[in-house]
Amino acid sequence: MSNWLPVLTLLSTLGANPAGETVEFRSDRYGVTLALPPDWSIAQRERDDRILVALIAGPDAQRPGVFACELALAPESLDEWRTR
């Protein structure tokens, strides 16, 4: 079986959202819908293999957290996945 299957990869540093409120992010281009905390600001949308990049406010305004949702091919090995 080949590892060349489309995979949705979510890489994130998650912010706290105790109320559980969300806003919907929808990408018609990629056919993906995500529920995101309302205070995450969208920095990039639907560009190349990235569906979404959002910035997450934290204690240091100069170093926000980042959430990226991208499309990628499955790696050949778990080691490749870890180092990516």
N, C-alpha and C. Protein backbone atom coordinates (compact mmCIF):
# COMPACT_ATOMS: atom_id res chain seq x y z
N MET A 1 0.84 -1.18 0.00
CA MET A 1 0.00 0.00 0.00
C MET A 1 0.88 1.24 0.00
N SER A 2 0.54 2.21 -0.78
CA SER A 2 1.32 3.44 -0.92
C SER A 2 1.00 4.43 0.20
N ASN A 3 2.00 5.20 0.58
CA ASN A 3 1.81 6.28 1.55
C ASN A 3 1.38 7.56 0.88
N TRP A 4 1.16 7.58 -0.40
CA TRP A 4 0.84 8.80 -1.14
C TRP A 4 -0.65 9.09 -1.12
N LEU A 5 -1.19 9.26 0.05
CA LEU A 5 -2.59 9.61 0.22
C LEU A 5 -2.67 11.04 0.74
N PRO A 6 -3.66 11.81 0.30
CA PRO A 6 -3.80 13.17 0.85
C PRO A 6 -4.11 13.10 2.34
N VAL A 7 -3.45 13.92 3.10
CA VAL A 7 -3.62 13.94 4.54
C VAL A 7 -3.85 15.37 4.99
N LEU A 8 -4.79 15.56 5.86
CA LEU A 8 -5.02 16.87 6.47
C LEU A 8 -4.18 16.93 7.73
N THR A 9 -3.25 17.87 7.78
CA THR A 9 -2.33 17.98 8.90
C THR A 9 -2.66 19.22 9.70
N LEU A 10 -2.82 19.05 10.98
CA LEU A 10 -3.08 20.18 11.85
C LEU A 10 -1.90 20.34 12.79
N LEU A 11 -1.23 21.48 12.70
CA LEU A 11 -0.12 21.79 13.58
C LEU A 11 -0.53 23.00 14.39
N SER A 12 -0.44 22.90 15.70
CA SER A 12 -0.97 24.02 16.46
C SER A 12 -0.30 24.23 17.80
N THR A 13 -0.41 25.44 18.26
CA THR A 13 -0.20 25.81 19.65
C THR A 13 -1.55 26.35 20.08
N LEU A 14 -2.27 25.61 20.88
CA LEU A 14 -3.66 25.94 21.16
C LEU A 14 -3.80 26.97 22.27
N GLY A 15 -4.70 27.91 22.08
CA GLY A 15 -5.02 28.91 23.09
C GLY A 15 -6.21 28.44 23.92
N ALA A 16 -6.36 29.00 25.09
CA ALA A 16 -7.47 28.62 25.96
C ALA A 16 -8.75 29.29 25.52
N ASN A 17 -9.84 28.55 25.57
CA ASN A 17 -11.17 29.07 25.22
C ASN A 17 -12.16 28.42 26.18
N PRO A 18 -12.18 28.89 27.45
CA PRO A 18 -13.00 28.21 28.46
C PRO A 18 -14.49 28.21 28.16
N ALA A 19 -14.99 29.20 27.45
CA ALA A 19 -16.43 29.25 27.16
C ALA A 19 -16.82 28.28 26.05
N GLY A 20 -15.84 27.79 25.31
CA GLY A 20 -16.14 26.85 24.23
C GLY A 20 -16.77 27.50 23.01
N GLU A 21 -16.71 28.82 22.91
CA GLU A 21 -17.28 29.52 21.76
C GLU A 21 -16.41 29.28 20.53
N THR A 22 -17.03 29.18 19.38
CA THR A 22 -16.29 29.00 18.13
C THR A 22 -16.91 29.81 17.01
N VAL A 23 -16.09 30.05 16.00
CA VAL A 23 -16.57 30.63 14.74
C VAL A 23 -16.19 29.64 13.65
N GLU A 24 -16.98 29.61 12.61
CA GLU A 24 -16.73 28.66 11.53
C GLU A 24 -15.81 29.26 10.48
N PHE A 25 -14.78 28.49 10.11
CA PHE A 25 -13.93 28.83 8.98
C PHE A 25 -14.24 27.81 7.90
N ARG A 26 -14.57 28.29 6.73
CA ARG A 26 -14.94 27.38 5.63
C ARG A 26 -14.06 27.65 4.42
N SER A 27 -13.50 26.59 3.87
CA SER A 27 -12.70 26.68 2.66
C SER A 27 -13.40 25.88 1.57
N ASP A 28 -14.07 26.60 0.67
CA ASP A 28 -14.72 25.92 -0.45
C ASP A 28 -13.68 25.34 -1.41
N ARG A 29 -12.56 26.02 -1.53
CA ARG A 29 -11.49 25.55 -2.43
C ARG A 29 -10.99 24.16 -2.05
N TYR A 30 -10.80 23.92 -0.74
CA TYR A 30 -10.28 22.64 -0.27
C TYR A 30 -11.36 21.72 0.32
N GLY A 31 -12.57 22.22 0.47
CA GLY A 31 -13.66 21.41 1.00
C GLY A 31 -13.52 21.09 2.48
N VAL A 32 -13.03 22.06 3.24
CA VAL A 32 -12.79 21.86 4.67
C VAL A 32 -13.54 22.93 5.47
N THR A 33 -14.13 22.53 6.58
CA THR A 33 -14.76 23.45 7.51
C THR A 33 -14.18 23.19 8.89
N LEU A 34 -13.77 24.27 9.57
CA LEU A 34 -13.18 24.16 10.90
C LEU A 34 -13.92 25.06 11.87
N ALA A 35 -13.99 24.65 13.13
CA ALA A 35 -14.52 25.49 14.20
C ALA A 35 -13.33 26.04 14.96
N LEU A 36 -13.18 27.37 14.94
CA LEU A 36 -12.04 28.04 15.57
C LEU A 36 -12.49 28.95 16.70
N PRO A 37 -11.64 29.16 17.72
CA PRO A 37 -11.97 30.14 18.75
C PRO A 37 -12.10 31.53 18.12
N PRO A 38 -13.02 32.35 18.59
CA PRO A 38 -13.28 33.65 17.97
C PRO A 38 -12.12 34.64 18.07
N ASP A 39 -11.20 34.46 19.01
CA ASP A 39 -10.11 35.43 19.16
C ASP A 39 -8.87 35.08 18.32
N TRP A 40 -8.92 34.03 17.53
CA TRP A 40 -7.81 33.70 16.63
C TRP A 40 -7.95 34.57 15.39
N SER A 41 -6.90 35.29 15.01
CA SER A 41 -6.98 36.13 13.82
C SER A 41 -6.38 35.38 12.62
N ILE A 42 -7.11 35.39 11.52
CA ILE A 42 -6.69 34.71 10.30
C ILE A 42 -5.58 35.54 9.64
N ALA A 43 -4.40 34.94 9.49
CA ALA A 43 -3.27 35.62 8.86
C ALA A 43 -3.15 35.26 7.39
N GLN A 44 -3.59 34.07 7.03
CA GLN A 44 -3.49 33.62 5.64
C GLN A 44 -4.58 32.58 5.39
N ARG A 45 -5.14 32.61 4.18
CA ARG A 45 -6.18 31.62 3.86
C ARG A 45 -6.03 31.15 2.42
N GLU A 46 -6.23 29.85 2.23
CA GLU A 46 -6.25 29.21 0.91
C GLU A 46 -5.11 29.67 0.00
N ARG A 47 -3.89 29.38 0.43
CA ARG A 47 -2.72 29.74 -0.37
C ARG A 47 -1.82 28.51 -0.50
N ASP A 48 -1.55 28.13 -1.73
CA ASP A 48 -0.73 26.94 -2.02
C ASP A 48 -1.30 25.73 -1.28
N ASP A 49 -0.48 25.07 -0.45
CA ASP A 49 -0.96 23.90 0.27
C ASP A 49 -1.54 24.25 1.64
N ARG A 50 -1.55 25.53 1.99
CA ARG A 50 -2.09 25.95 3.28
C ARG A 50 -3.56 26.32 3.14
N ILE A 51 -4.36 25.70 3.97
CA ILE A 51 -5.78 26.02 4.01
C ILE A 51 -5.98 27.28 4.86
N LEU A 52 -5.23 27.35 5.96
CA LEU A 52 -5.43 28.42 6.93
C LEU A 52 -4.20 28.57 7.80
N VAL A 53 -3.86 29.81 8.12
CA VAL A 53 -2.88 30.12 9.16
C VAL A 53 -3.54 31.17 10.05
N ALA A 54 -3.59 30.89 11.35
CA ALA A 54 -4.19 31.82 12.31
C ALA A 54 -3.18 32.15 13.39
N LEU A 55 -3.26 33.38 13.89
CA LEU A 55 -2.41 33.82 14.99
C LEU A 55 -3.20 33.77 16.29
N ILE A 56 -2.54 33.32 17.35
CA ILE A 56 -3.18 33.15 18.65
C ILE A 56 -2.51 34.09 19.65
N ALA A 57 -3.26 35.05 20.15
CA ALA A 57 -2.71 36.02 21.11
C ALA A 57 -2.27 35.31 22.38
N GLY A 58 -1.18 35.80 22.94
CA GLY A 58 -0.65 35.26 24.19
C GLY A 58 -0.11 36.38 25.05
N PRO A 59 0.64 36.04 26.08
CA PRO A 59 1.15 37.06 26.98
C PRO A 59 2.17 38.00 26.32
N ASP A 60 2.90 37.51 25.30
CA ASP A 60 3.87 38.33 24.59
C ASP A 60 3.31 38.66 23.21
N ALA A 61 2.90 39.91 23.01
CA ALA A 61 2.28 40.31 21.74
C ALA A 61 3.22 40.16 20.55
N GLN A 62 4.53 40.16 20.79
CA GLN A 62 5.51 40.01 19.72
C GLN A 62 5.71 38.56 19.29
N ARG A 63 5.22 37.61 20.08
CA ARG A 63 5.40 36.19 19.77
C ARG A 63 4.07 35.44 19.92
N PRO A 64 3.13 35.65 19.00
CA PRO A 64 1.85 34.94 19.10
C PRO A 64 2.03 33.45 18.80
N GLY A 65 1.08 32.66 19.27
CA GLY A 65 1.04 31.26 18.88
C GLY A 65 0.56 31.19 17.44
N VAL A 66 0.79 30.06 16.79
CA VAL A 66 0.40 29.89 15.39
C VAL A 66 -0.34 28.58 15.22
N PHE A 67 -1.44 28.63 14.48
CA PHE A 67 -2.19 27.45 14.09
C PHE A 67 -2.13 27.38 12.58
N ALA A 68 -1.68 26.26 12.03
CA ALA A 68 -1.62 26.10 10.58
C ALA A 68 -2.35 24.83 10.19
N CYS A 69 -3.17 24.93 9.19
CA CYS A 69 -3.89 23.78 8.64
C CYS A 69 -3.48 23.68 7.18
N GLU A 70 -2.86 22.56 6.82
CA GLU A 70 -2.35 22.42 5.45
C GLU A 70 -2.63 21.03 4.91
N LEU A 71 -2.61 20.94 3.59
CA LEU A 71 -2.73 19.66 2.91
C LEU A 71 -1.34 19.18 2.56
N ALA A 72 -1.09 17.90 2.77
CA ALA A 72 0.23 17.35 2.47
C ALA A 72 0.11 15.87 2.16
N LEU A 73 1.12 15.35 1.50
CA LEU A 73 1.18 13.91 1.27
C LEU A 73 1.70 13.24 2.53
N ALA A 74 1.22 12.03 2.76
CA ALA A 74 1.70 11.28 3.92
C ALA A 74 3.19 11.00 3.75
N PRO A 75 3.98 11.17 4.83
CA PRO A 75 5.42 10.92 4.73
C PRO A 75 5.71 9.43 4.61
N GLU A 76 6.91 9.12 4.14
CA GLU A 76 7.33 7.73 3.98
C GLU A 76 7.52 7.04 5.32
N SER A 77 7.94 7.80 6.36
CA SER A 77 8.20 7.19 7.66
C SER A 77 7.75 8.09 8.79
N LEU A 78 7.62 7.51 9.98
CA LEU A 78 7.26 8.29 11.14
C LEU A 78 8.36 9.27 11.52
N ASP A 79 9.62 8.90 11.30
CA ASP A 79 10.73 9.82 11.60
C ASP A 79 10.61 11.09 10.76
N GLU A 80 10.26 10.94 9.50
CA GLU A 80 10.08 12.12 8.65
C GLU A 80 8.94 12.99 9.18
N TRP A 81 7.88 12.34 9.65
CA TRP A 81 6.72 13.05 10.20
C TRP A 81 7.14 13.86 11.44
N ARG A 82 7.94 13.25 12.32
CA ARG A 82 8.36 13.91 13.56
C ARG A 82 9.25 15.11 13.30
N THR A 83 10.13 15.02 12.31
CA THR A 83 11.07 16.10 12.06
C THR A 83 10.46 17.22 11.23
N ARG A 84 9.36 16.97 10.60
CA ARG A 84 8.71 17.98 9.78
C ARG A 84 8.22 19.08 10.67
